[in-house]
Amino acid sequence: MIPIVAFFNNKGGGGRTTLVYHIAWKLADLGGQVLAADLDPQSNLTSRFLDEDELQEIWPDPPAPPKTIFGDLLPLINGTRDIADVSARPITSNLNLVPGDIALSSFEF
């Protein structure tokens, strides 16, 4: 069985992003296969992992769909099909990131 570690706290300022960033790197350094998913609309975890050029690539100007978790949800949102394949970006050979997107804030109510 593959262990899964999840961090969730709906209150801001709890240190989740920093904690996830460092634990993801440490688990990858120890040889684990790591997938960090940034589901926070502020996308700070994504900004920690990617440089400016990479951020521009995943958050293109419209009408191109973003290469983010929100972009993966667009077919479902638009009613055209189910969720797209997850846009995981390799950071290292055993550390991957599902990039966040500010458009996720449209799901908050």
PDB file of N, CA and C in Angstrom:
ATOM      1  N   MET A   1       0.837  -1.175   0.000  1.00  0.00           N
ATOM      2  CA  MET A   1       0.000   0.000   0.000  1.00  0.00           C
ATOM      3  C   MET A   1       0.884   1.242   0.000  1.00  0.00           C
ATOM      4  N   ILE A   2       0.539   2.210  -0.798  1.00  0.00           N
ATOM      5  CA  ILE A   2       1.300   3.454  -0.899  1.00  0.00           C
ATOM      6  C   ILE A   2       0.779   4.428   0.144  1.00  0.00           C
ATOM      7  N   PRO A   3       1.659   4.932   1.003  1.00  0.00           N
ATOM      8  CA  PRO A   3       1.185   5.909   1.991  1.00  0.00           C
ATOM      9  C   PRO A   3       0.844   7.238   1.328  1.00  0.00           C
ATOM     10  N   ILE A   4      -0.213   7.847   1.822  1.00  0.00           N
ATOM     11  CA  ILE A   4      -0.652   9.152   1.327  1.00  0.00           C
ATOM     12  C   ILE A   4      -0.635  10.121   2.500  1.00  0.00           C
ATOM     13  N   VAL A   5      -0.048  11.278   2.279  1.00  0.00           N
ATOM     14  CA  VAL A   5      -0.021  12.325   3.293  1.00  0.00           C
ATOM     15  C   VAL A   5      -0.763  13.525   2.715  1.00  0.00           C
ATOM     16  N   ALA A   6      -1.725  14.038   3.447  1.00  0.00           N
ATOM     17  CA  ALA A   6      -2.487  15.199   2.985  1.00  0.00           C
ATOM     18  C   ALA A   6      -2.480  16.270   4.068  1.00  0.00           C
ATOM     19  N   PHE A   7      -2.402  17.517   3.652  1.00  0.00           N
ATOM     20  CA  PHE A   7      -2.446  18.652   4.566  1.00  0.00           C
ATOM     21  C   PHE A   7      -3.624  19.522   4.146  1.00  0.00           C
ATOM     22  N   PHE A   8      -4.477  19.844   5.102  1.00  0.00           N
ATOM     23  CA  PHE A   8      -5.600  20.728   4.815  1.00  0.00           C
ATOM     24  C   PHE A   8      -5.880  21.590   6.028  1.00  0.00           C
ATOM     25  N   ASN A   9      -6.083  22.856   5.769  1.00  0.00           N
ATOM     26  CA  ASN A   9      -6.489  23.792   6.810  1.00  0.00           C
ATOM     27  C   ASN A   9      -7.109  24.960   6.067  1.00  0.00           C
ATOM     28  N   ASN A  10      -8.376  25.211   6.306  1.00  0.00           N
ATOM     29  CA  ASN A  10      -9.067  26.259   5.560  1.00  0.00           C
ATOM     30  C   ASN A  10      -8.709  27.659   6.051  1.00  0.00           C
ATOM     31  N   LYS A  11      -8.042  27.747   7.174  1.00  0.00           N
ATOM     32  CA  LYS A  11      -7.646  29.049   7.715  1.00  0.00           C
ATOM     33  C   LYS A  11      -6.281  29.428   7.149  1.00  0.00           C
ATOM     34  N   GLY A  12      -6.145  30.641   6.705  1.00  0.00           N
ATOM     35  CA  GLY A  12      -4.867  31.093   6.169  1.00  0.00           C
ATOM     36  C   GLY A  12      -3.841  31.318   7.264  1.00  0.00           C
ATOM     37  N   GLY A  13      -2.588  31.343   6.873  1.00  0.00           N
ATOM     38  CA  GLY A  13      -1.506  31.652   7.803  1.00  0.00           C
ATOM     39  C   GLY A  13      -1.079  30.509   8.695  1.00  0.00           C
ATOM     40  N   GLY A  14      -1.474  29.292   8.349  1.00  0.00           N
ATOM     41  CA  GLY A  14      -1.126  28.137   9.177  1.00  0.00           C
ATOM     42  C   GLY A  14       0.201  27.488   8.823  1.00  0.00           C
ATOM     43  N   GLY A  15       0.853  27.953   7.769  1.00  0.00           N
ATOM     44  CA  GLY A  15       2.150  27.396   7.379  1.00  0.00           C
ATOM     45  C   GLY A  15       2.068  26.163   6.502  1.00  0.00           C
ATOM     46  N   ARG A  16       0.896  25.859   5.963  1.00  0.00           N
ATOM     47  CA  ARG A  16       0.732  24.667   5.118  1.00  0.00           C
ATOM     48  C   ARG A  16       1.678  24.649   3.931  1.00  0.00           C
ATOM     49  N   THR A  17       1.730  25.743   3.203  1.00  0.00           N
ATOM     50  CA  THR A  17       2.520  25.777   1.969  1.00  0.00           C
ATOM     51  C   THR A  17       3.983  25.496   2.249  1.00  0.00           C
ATOM     52  N   THR A  18       4.534  26.161   3.235  1.00  0.00           N
ATOM     53  CA  THR A  18       5.942  25.949   3.586  1.00  0.00           C
ATOM     54  C   THR A  18       6.161  24.518   4.049  1.00  0.00           C
ATOM     55  N   LEU A  19       5.253  23.997   4.866  1.00  0.00           N
ATOM     56  CA  LEU A  19       5.368  22.632   5.364  1.00  0.00           C
ATOM     57  C   LEU A  19       5.318  21.624   4.213  1.00  0.00           C
ATOM     58  N   VAL A  20       4.345  21.764   3.326  1.00  0.00           N
ATOM     59  CA  VAL A  20       4.216  20.836   2.194  1.00  0.00           C
ATOM     60  C   VAL A  20       5.437  20.924   1.286  1.00  0.00           C
ATOM     61  N   TYR A  21       5.905  22.122   1.007  1.00  0.00           N
ATOM     62  CA  TYR A  21       7.066  22.307   0.140  1.00  0.00           C
ATOM     63  C   TYR A  21       8.284  21.548   0.690  1.00  0.00           C
ATOM     64  N   HIS A  22       8.580  21.750   1.949  1.00  0.00           N
ATOM     65  CA  HIS A  22       9.771  21.122   2.533  1.00  0.00           C
ATOM     66  C   HIS A  22       9.601  19.616   2.730  1.00  0.00           C
ATOM     67  N   ILE A  23       8.430  19.179   3.132  1.00  0.00           N
ATOM     68  CA  ILE A  23       8.211  17.739   3.294  1.00  0.00           C
ATOM     69  C   ILE A  23       8.245  17.037   1.943  1.00  0.00           C
ATOM     70  N   ALA A  24       7.687  17.662   0.908  1.00  0.00           N
ATOM     71  CA  ALA A  24       7.728  17.060  -0.433  1.00  0.00           C
ATOM     72  C   ALA A  24       9.167  16.856  -0.893  1.00  0.00           C
ATOM     73  N   TRP A  25       9.999  17.889  -0.710  1.00  0.00           N
ATOM     74  CA  TRP A  25      11.410  17.768  -1.095  1.00  0.00           C
ATOM     75  C   TRP A  25      12.109  16.692  -0.274  1.00  0.00           C
ATOM     76  N   LYS A  26      11.846  16.639   1.019  1.00  0.00           N
ATOM     77  CA  LYS A  26      12.516  15.665   1.883  1.00  0.00           C
ATOM     78  C   LYS A  26      12.100  14.243   1.525  1.00  0.00           C
ATOM     79  N   LEU A  27      10.805  14.015   1.320  1.00  0.00           N
ATOM     80  CA  LEU A  27      10.354  12.677   0.928  1.00  0.00           C
ATOM     81  C   LEU A  27      10.953  12.260  -0.411  1.00  0.00           C
ATOM     82  N   ALA A  28      11.047  13.199  -1.345  1.00  0.00           N
ATOM     83  CA  ALA A  28      11.675  12.901  -2.636  1.00  0.00           C
ATOM     84  C   ALA A  28      13.161  12.602  -2.452  1.00  0.00           C
ATOM     85  N   ASP A  29      13.836  13.377  -1.606  1.00  0.00           N
ATOM     86  CA  ASP A  29      15.255  13.130  -1.322  1.00  0.00           C
ATOM     87  C   ASP A  29      15.478  11.745  -0.720  1.00  0.00           C
ATOM     88  N   LEU A  30      14.495  11.273   0.044  1.00  0.00           N
ATOM     89  CA  LEU A  30      14.590   9.953   0.667  1.00  0.00           C
ATOM     90  C   LEU A  30      14.193   8.830  -0.283  1.00  0.00           C
ATOM     91  N   GLY A  31      13.860   9.172  -1.532  1.00  0.00           N
ATOM     92  CA  GLY A  31      13.558   8.170  -2.550  1.00  0.00           C
ATOM     93  C   GLY A  31      12.084   7.912  -2.782  1.00  0.00           C
ATOM     94  N   GLY A  32      11.206   8.629  -2.094  1.00  0.00           N
ATOM     95  CA  GLY A  32       9.773   8.434  -2.289  1.00  0.00           C
ATOM     96  C   GLY A  32       9.285   9.067  -3.577  1.00  0.00           C
ATOM     97  N   GLN A  33       8.193   8.534  -4.101  1.00  0.00           N
ATOM     98  CA  GLN A  33       7.519   9.137  -5.248  1.00  0.00           C
ATOM     99  C   GLN A  33       6.524  10.140  -4.689  1.00  0.00           C
ATOM    100  N   VAL A  34       6.679  11.410  -5.048  1.00  0.00           N
ATOM    101  CA  VAL A  34       5.889  12.482  -4.445  1.00  0.00           C
ATOM    102  C   VAL A  34       5.099  13.229  -5.510  1.00  0.00           C
ATOM    103  N   LEU A  35       3.827  13.459  -5.213  1.00  0.00           N
ATOM    104  CA  LEU A  35       2.975  14.303  -6.042  1.00  0.00           C
ATOM    105  C   LEU A  35       2.410  15.378  -5.123  1.00  0.00           C
ATOM    106  N   ALA A  36       2.828  16.614  -5.329  1.00  0.00           N
ATOM    107  CA  ALA A  36       2.316  17.744  -4.565  1.00  0.00           C
ATOM    108  C   ALA A  36       1.229  18.404  -5.404  1.00  0.00           C
ATOM    109  N   ALA A  37       0.017  18.510  -4.861  1.00  0.00           N
ATOM    110  CA  ALA A  37      -1.101  19.117  -5.581  1.00  0.00           C
ATOM    111  C   ALA A  37      -1.454  20.438  -4.917  1.00  0.00           C
ATOM    112  N   ASP A  38      -1.361  21.517  -5.679  1.00  0.00           N
ATOM    113  CA  ASP A  38      -1.647  22.854  -5.162  1.00  0.00           C
ATOM    114  C   ASP A  38      -3.109  23.182  -5.439  1.00  0.00           C
ATOM    115  N   LEU A  39      -3.952  23.009  -4.417  1.00  0.00           N
ATOM    116  CA  LEU A  39      -5.380  23.267  -4.573  1.00  0.00           C
ATOM    117  C   LEU A  39      -5.797  24.581  -3.944  1.00  0.00           C
ATOM    118  N   ASP A  40      -4.834  25.390  -3.594  1.00  0.00           N
ATOM    119  CA  ASP A  40      -5.090  26.705  -3.005  1.00  0.00           C
ATOM    120  C   ASP A  40      -5.151  27.739  -4.125  1.00  0.00           C
ATOM    121  N   PRO A  41      -6.230  28.532  -4.192  1.00  0.00           N
ATOM    122  CA  PRO A  41      -6.321  29.536  -5.265  1.00  0.00           C
ATOM    123  C   PRO A  41      -5.171  30.544  -5.270  1.00  0.00           C
ATOM    124  N   GLN A  42      -4.499  30.735  -4.149  1.00  0.00           N
ATOM    125  CA  GLN A  42      -3.358  31.660  -4.158  1.00  0.00           C
ATOM    126  C   GLN A  42      -2.158  31.078  -4.892  1.00  0.00           C
ATOM    127  N   SER A  43      -2.111  29.769  -5.041  1.00  0.00           N
ATOM    128  CA  SER A  43      -1.082  29.059  -5.808  1.00  0.00           C
ATOM    129  C   SER A  43       0.338  29.335  -5.325  1.00  0.00           C
ATOM    130  N   ASN A  44       0.504  29.566  -4.051  1.00  0.00           N
ATOM    131  CA  ASN A  44       1.843  29.837  -3.521  1.00  0.00           C
ATOM    132  C   ASN A  44       2.769  28.627  -3.606  1.00  0.00           C
ATOM    133  N   LEU A  45       2.221  27.418  -3.459  1.00  0.00           N
ATOM    134  CA  LEU A  45       3.061  26.226  -3.576  1.00  0.00           C
ATOM    135  C   LEU A  45       3.623  26.130  -4.997  1.00  0.00           C
ATOM    136  N   THR A  46       2.794  26.406  -5.971  1.00  0.00           N
ATOM    137  CA  THR A  46       3.239  26.403  -7.370  1.00  0.00           C
ATOM    138  C   THR A  46       4.347  27.424  -7.573  1.00  0.00           C
ATOM    139  N   SER A  47       4.160  28.606  -6.999  1.00  0.00           N
ATOM    140  CA  SER A  47       5.176  29.662  -7.132  1.00  0.00           C
ATOM    141  C   SER A  47       6.481  29.291  -6.441  1.00  0.00           C
ATOM    142  N   ARG A  48       6.423  28.450  -5.421  1.00  0.00           N
ATOM    143  CA  ARG A  48       7.645  28.011  -4.747  1.00  0.00           C
ATOM    144  C   ARG A  48       8.431  27.026  -5.610  1.00  0.00           C
ATOM    145  N   PHE A  49       7.708  26.170  -6.319  1.00  0.00           N
ATOM    146  CA  PHE A  49       8.365  25.129  -7.110  1.00  0.00           C
ATOM    147  C   PHE A  49       8.834  25.605  -8.487  1.00  0.00           C
ATOM    148  N   LEU A  50       8.138  26.572  -9.081  1.00  0.00           N
ATOM    149  CA  LEU A  50       8.422  26.953 -10.468  1.00  0.00           C
ATOM    150  C   LEU A  50       8.983  28.361 -10.567  1.00  0.00           C
ATOM    151  N   ASP A  51       9.841  28.580 -11.558  1.00  0.00           N
ATOM    152  CA  ASP A  51      10.382  29.924 -11.770  1.00  0.00           C
ATOM    153  C   ASP A  51       9.424  30.727 -12.661  1.00  0.00           C
ATOM    154  N   GLU A  52       9.747  31.986 -12.901  1.00  0.00           N
ATOM    155  CA  GLU A  52       8.864  32.893 -13.650  1.00  0.00           C
ATOM    156  C   GLU A  52       8.534  32.384 -15.052  1.00  0.00           C
ATOM    157  N   ASP A  53       9.524  31.860 -15.758  1.00  0.00           N
ATOM    158  CA  ASP A  53       9.276  31.360 -17.113  1.00  0.00           C
ATOM    159  C   ASP A  53       8.301  30.180 -17.096  1.00  0.00           C
ATOM    160  N   GLU A  54       8.487  29.292 -16.130  1.00  0.00           N
ATOM    161  CA  GLU A  54       7.589  28.138 -16.021  1.00  0.00           C
ATOM    162  C   GLU A  54       6.175  28.581 -15.641  1.00  0.00           C
ATOM    163  N   LEU A  55       6.067  29.585 -14.792  1.00  0.00           N
ATOM    164  CA  LEU A  55       4.747  30.097 -14.415  1.00  0.00           C
ATOM    165  C   LEU A  55       4.030  30.692 -15.616  1.00  0.00           C
ATOM    166  N   GLN A  56       4.743  31.415 -16.465  1.00  0.00           N
ATOM    167  CA  GLN A  56       4.128  31.979 -17.668  1.00  0.00           C
ATOM    168  C   GLN A  56       3.671  30.875 -18.618  1.00  0.00           C
ATOM    169  N   GLU A  57       4.405  29.768 -18.626  1.00  0.00           N
ATOM    170  CA  GLU A  57       4.034  28.646 -19.488  1.00  0.00           C
ATOM    171  C   GLU A  57       2.742  27.980 -19.014  1.00  0.00           C
ATOM    172  N   ILE A  58       2.590  27.795 -17.714  1.00  0.00           N
ATOM    173  CA  ILE A  58       1.392  27.105 -17.217  1.00  0.00           C
ATOM    174  C   ILE A  58       0.191  28.029 -17.094  1.00  0.00           C
ATOM    175  N   TRP A  59       0.428  29.328 -16.940  1.00  0.00           N
ATOM    176  CA  TRP A  59      -0.654  30.314 -16.846  1.00  0.00           C
ATOM    177  C   TRP A  59      -0.625  31.201 -18.083  1.00  0.00           C
ATOM    178  N   PRO A  60      -0.929  30.648 -19.269  1.00  0.00           N
ATOM    179  CA  PRO A  60      -0.858  31.441 -20.501  1.00  0.00           C
ATOM    180  C   PRO A  60      -2.002  32.453 -20.560  1.00  0.00           C
ATOM    181  N   ASP A  61      -1.844  33.426 -21.433  1.00  0.00           N
ATOM    182  CA  ASP A  61      -2.926  34.377 -21.653  1.00  0.00           C
ATOM    183  C   ASP A  61      -4.082  33.659 -22.353  1.00  0.00           C
ATOM    184  N   PRO A  62      -5.326  34.024 -22.009  1.00  0.00           N
ATOM    185  CA  PRO A  62      -6.473  33.417 -22.709  1.00  0.00           C
ATOM    186  C   PRO A  62      -6.358  33.674 -24.202  1.00  0.00           C
ATOM    187  N   PRO A  63      -6.872  32.822 -25.044  1.00  0.00           N
ATOM    188  CA  PRO A  63      -7.811  31.748 -24.752  1.00  0.00           C
ATOM    189  C   PRO A  63      -7.165  30.398 -24.470  1.00  0.00           C
ATOM    190  N   ALA A  64      -5.867  30.308 -24.451  1.00  0.00           N
ATOM    191  CA  ALA A  64      -5.216  29.022 -24.180  1.00  0.00           C
ATOM    192  C   ALA A  64      -5.580  28.547 -22.777  1.00  0.00           C
ATOM    193  N   PRO A  65      -5.952  27.269 -22.627  1.00  0.00           N
ATOM    194  CA  PRO A  65      -6.295  26.782 -21.293  1.00  0.00           C
ATOM    195  C   PRO A  65      -5.042  26.669 -20.422  1.00  0.00           C
ATOM    196  N   PRO A  66      -5.169  26.944 -19.147  1.00  0.00           N
ATOM    197  CA  PRO A  66      -4.013  26.835 -18.263  1.00  0.00           C
ATOM    198  C   PRO A  66      -3.606  25.370 -18.085  1.00  0.00           C
ATOM    199  N   LYS A  67      -2.329  25.142 -17.849  1.00  0.00           N
ATOM    200  CA  LYS A  67      -1.821  23.789 -17.597  1.00  0.00           C
ATOM    201  C   LYS A  67      -1.761  23.601 -16.082  1.00  0.00           C
ATOM    202  N   THR A  68      -2.950  23.663 -15.481  1.00  0.00           N
ATOM    203  CA  THR A  68      -3.094  23.643 -14.031  1.00  0.00           C
ATOM    204  C   THR A  68      -4.253  22.731 -13.651  1.00  0.00           C
ATOM    205  N   ILE A  69      -4.481  22.598 -12.348  1.00  0.00           N
ATOM    206  CA  ILE A  69      -5.622  21.818 -11.879  1.00  0.00           C
ATOM    207  C   ILE A  69      -6.926  22.425 -12.408  1.00  0.00           C
ATOM    208  N   PHE A  70      -7.010  23.736 -12.507  1.00  0.00           N
ATOM    209  CA  PHE A  70      -8.216  24.366 -13.050  1.00  0.00           C
ATOM    210  C   PHE A  70      -8.389  24.010 -14.518  1.00  0.00           C
ATOM    211  N   GLY A  71      -7.312  24.026 -15.288  1.00  0.00           N
ATOM    212  CA  GLY A  71      -7.381  23.624 -16.687  1.00  0.00           C
ATOM    213  C   GLY A  71      -7.857  22.191 -16.834  1.00  0.00           C
ATOM    214  N   ASP A  72      -7.477  21.332 -15.881  1.00  0.00           N
ATOM    215  CA  ASP A  72      -7.915  19.937 -15.906  1.00  0.00           C
ATOM    216  C   ASP A  72      -9.413  19.819 -15.629  1.00  0.00           C
ATOM    217  N   LEU A  73      -9.959  20.778 -14.881  1.00  0.00           N
ATOM    218  CA  LEU A  73     -11.380  20.763 -14.539  1.00  0.00           C
ATOM    219  C   LEU A  73     -12.262  21.416 -15.607  1.00  0.00           C
ATOM    220  N   LEU A  74     -11.674  22.192 -16.516  1.00  0.00           N
ATOM    221  CA  LEU A  74     -12.462  22.940 -17.508  1.00  0.00           C
ATOM    222  C   LEU A  74     -13.428  22.077 -18.330  1.00  0.00           C
ATOM    223  N   PRO A  75     -13.036  20.890 -18.808  1.00  0.00           N
ATOM    224  CA  PRO A  75     -14.010  20.085 -19.558  1.00  0.00           C
ATOM    225  C   PRO A  75     -15.247  19.752 -18.715  1.00  0.00           C
ATOM    226  N   LEU A  76     -15.057  19.479 -17.445  1.00  0.00           N
ATOM    227  CA  LEU A  76     -16.175  19.194 -16.559  1.00  0.00           C
ATOM    228  C   LEU A  76     -17.007  20.454 -16.326  1.00  0.00           C
ATOM    229  N   ILE A  77     -16.338  21.568 -16.091  1.00  0.00           N
ATOM    230  CA  ILE A  77     -17.029  22.848 -15.870  1.00  0.00           C
ATOM    231  C   ILE A  77     -17.848  23.237 -17.097  1.00  0.00           C
ATOM    232  N   ASN A  78     -17.270  23.033 -18.269  1.00  0.00           N
ATOM    233  CA  ASN A  78     -17.941  23.398 -19.521  1.00  0.00           C
ATOM    234  C   ASN A  78     -18.963  22.361 -19.976  1.00  0.00           C
ATOM    235  N   GLY A  79     -19.021  21.221 -19.289  1.00  0.00           N
ATOM    236  CA  GLY A  79     -19.979  20.179 -19.630  1.00  0.00           C
ATOM    237  C   GLY A  79     -19.661  19.439 -20.913  1.00  0.00           C
ATOM    238  N   THR A  80     -18.387  19.462 -21.322  1.00  0.00           N
ATOM    239  CA  THR A  80     -18.011  18.801 -22.572  1.00  0.00           C
ATOM    240  C   THR A  80     -17.520  17.368 -22.361  1.00  0.00           C
ATOM    241  N   ARG A  81     -16.992  17.086 -21.199  1.00  0.00           N
ATOM    242  CA  ARG A  81     -16.570  15.724 -20.864  1.00  0.00           C
ATOM    243  C   ARG A  81     -16.134  15.693 -19.407  1.00  0.00           C
ATOM    244  N   ASP A  82     -15.596  14.560 -19.010  1.00  0.00           N
ATOM    245  CA  ASP A  82     -15.137  14.401 -17.635  1.00  0.00           C
ATOM    246  C   ASP A  82     -13.835  15.177 -17.425  1.00  0.00           C
ATOM    247  N   ILE A  83     -13.298  15.116 -16.241  1.00  0.00           N
ATOM    248  CA  ILE A  83     -12.045  15.791 -15.909  1.00  0.00           C
ATOM    249  C   ILE A  83     -10.938  15.303 -16.840  1.00  0.00           C
ATOM    250  N   ALA A  84     -10.108  16.220 -17.297  1.00  0.00           N
ATOM    251  CA  ALA A  84      -8.982  15.883 -18.174  1.00  0.00           C
ATOM    252  C   ALA A  84      -7.897  15.172 -17.372  1.00  0.00           C
ATOM    253  N   ASP A  85      -6.942  14.594 -18.069  1.00  0.00           N
ATOM    254  CA  ASP A  85      -5.785  14.012 -17.389  1.00  0.00           C
ATOM    255  C   ASP A  85      -5.107  15.104 -16.562  1.00  0.00           C
ATOM    256  N   VAL A  86      -4.648  14.733 -15.403  1.00  0.00           N
ATOM    257  CA  VAL A  86      -4.031  15.701 -14.495  1.00  0.00           C
ATOM    258  C   VAL A  86      -2.734  16.231 -15.092  1.00  0.00           C
ATOM    259  N   SER A  87      -2.567  17.545 -15.015  1.00  0.00           N
ATOM    260  CA  SER A  87      -1.385  18.221 -15.558  1.00  0.00           C
ATOM    261  C   SER A  87      -0.251  18.237 -14.539  1.00  0.00           C
ATOM    262  N   ALA A  88       0.287  17.072 -14.228  1.00  0.00           N
ATOM    263  CA  ALA A  88       1.402  17.011 -13.289  1.00  0.00           C
ATOM    264  C   ALA A  88       2.692  17.390 -14.011  1.00  0.00           C
ATOM    265  N   ARG A  89       3.444  18.284 -13.395  1.00  0.00           N
ATOM    266  CA  ARG A  89       4.729  18.738 -13.943  1.00  0.00           C
ATOM    267  C   ARG A  89       5.858  18.090 -13.168  1.00  0.00           C
ATOM    268  N   PRO A  90       6.808  17.470 -13.862  1.00  0.00           N
ATOM    269  CA  PRO A  90       7.955  16.923 -13.137  1.00  0.00           C
ATOM    270  C   PRO A  90       8.853  18.042 -12.603  1.00  0.00           C
ATOM    271  N   ILE A  91       9.192  17.936 -11.352  1.00  0.00           N
ATOM    272  CA  ILE A  91      10.161  18.833 -10.724  1.00  0.00           C
ATOM    273  C   ILE A  91      11.513  18.115 -10.690  1.00  0.00           C
ATOM    274  N   THR A  92      11.491  16.855 -10.261  1.00  0.00           N
ATOM    275  CA  THR A  92      12.639  15.945 -10.347  1.00  0.00           C
ATOM    276  C   THR A  92      12.093  14.612 -10.840  1.00  0.00           C
ATOM    277  N   SER A  93      12.937  13.599 -10.904  1.00  0.00           N
ATOM    278  CA  SER A  93      12.471  12.301 -11.398  1.00  0.00           C
ATOM    279  C   SER A  93      11.422  11.667 -10.489  1.00  0.00           C
ATOM    280  N   ASN A  94      11.384  12.036  -9.229  1.00  0.00           N
ATOM    281  CA  ASN A  94      10.406  11.445  -8.314  1.00  0.00           C
ATOM    282  C   ASN A  94       9.569  12.472  -7.553  1.00  0.00           C
ATOM    283  N   LEU A  95       9.597  13.714  -8.003  1.00  0.00           N
ATOM    284  CA  LEU A  95       8.784  14.774  -7.402  1.00  0.00           C
ATOM    285  C   LEU A  95       8.035  15.491  -8.512  1.00  0.00           C
ATOM    286  N   ASN A  96       6.704  15.466  -8.419  1.00  0.00           N
ATOM    287  CA  ASN A  96       5.840  16.090  -9.420  1.00  0.00           C
ATOM    288  C   ASN A  96       4.901  17.072  -8.746  1.00  0.00           C
ATOM    289  N   LEU A  97       4.446  18.049  -9.512  1.00  0.00           N
ATOM    290  CA  LEU A  97       3.563  19.089  -9.006  1.00  0.00           C
ATOM    291  C   LEU A  97       2.333  19.203  -9.898  1.00  0.00           C
ATOM    292  N   VAL A  98       1.151  19.216  -9.278  1.00  0.00           N
ATOM    293  CA  VAL A  98      -0.068  19.594  -9.982  1.00  0.00           C
ATOM    294  C   VAL A  98      -0.241  21.076  -9.677  1.00  0.00           C
ATOM    295  N   PRO A  99       0.041  21.950 -10.654  1.00  0.00           N
ATOM    296  CA  PRO A  99       0.035  23.390 -10.405  1.00  0.00           C
ATOM    297  C   PRO A  99      -1.341  23.939 -10.039  1.00  0.00           C
ATOM    298  N   GLY A 100      -1.325  24.906  -9.145  1.00  0.00           N
ATOM    299  CA  GLY A 100      -2.536  25.602  -8.743  1.00  0.00           C
ATOM    300  C   GLY A 100      -2.898  26.696  -9.725  1.00  0.00           C
ATOM    301  N   ASP A 101      -4.035  27.336  -9.459  1.00  0.00           N
ATOM    302  CA  ASP A 101      -4.535  28.370 -10.363  1.00  0.00           C
ATOM    303  C   ASP A 101      -5.458  29.285  -9.574  1.00  0.00           C
ATOM    304  N   ILE A 102      -5.293  30.582  -9.751  1.00  0.00           N
ATOM    305  CA  ILE A 102      -6.145  31.557  -9.046  1.00  0.00           C
ATOM    306  C   ILE A 102      -7.613  31.380  -9.416  1.00  0.00           C
ATOM    307  N   ALA A 103      -7.885  30.805 -10.585  1.00  0.00           N
ATOM    308  CA  ALA A 103      -9.272  30.582 -11.019  1.00  0.00           C
ATOM    309  C   ALA A 103     -10.000  29.589 -10.122  1.00  0.00           C
ATOM    310  N   LEU A 104      -9.287  28.845  -9.293  1.00  0.00           N
ATOM    311  CA  LEU A 104      -9.951  27.950  -8.346  1.00  0.00           C
ATOM    312  C   LEU A 104     -10.822  28.731  -7.366  1.00  0.00           C
ATOM    313  N   SER A 105     -10.551  30.012  -7.209  1.00  0.00           N
ATOM    314  CA  SER A 105     -11.351  30.832  -6.292  1.00  0.00           C
ATOM    315  C   SER A 105     -12.817  30.901  -6.748  1.00  0.00           C
ATOM    316  N   SER A 106     -13.086  30.617  -8.005  1.00  0.00           N
ATOM    317  CA  SER A 106     -14.466  30.635  -8.499  1.00  0.00           C
ATOM    318  C   SER A 106     -15.307  29.514  -7.894  1.00  0.00           C
ATOM    319  N   PHE A 107     -14.657  28.528  -7.269  1.00  0.00           N
ATOM    320  CA  PHE A 107     -15.381  27.426  -6.619  1.00  0.00           C
ATOM    321  C   PHE A 107     -15.708  27.732  -5.163  1.00  0.00           C
ATOM    322  N   GLU A 108     -15.149  28.799  -4.627  1.00  0.00           N
ATOM    323  CA  GLU A 108     -15.390  29.129  -3.230  1.00  0.00           C
ATOM    324  C   GLU A 108     -16.714  29.865  -3.095  1.00  0.00           C
ATOM    325  N   PHE A 109     -17.423  29.543  -2.040  1.00  0.00           N
ATOM    326  CA  PHE A 109     -18.650  30.280  -1.749  1.00  0.00           C
ATOM    327  C   PHE A 109     -18.937  30.282  -0.287  1.00  0.00           C
TER     328      PHE A 109
END
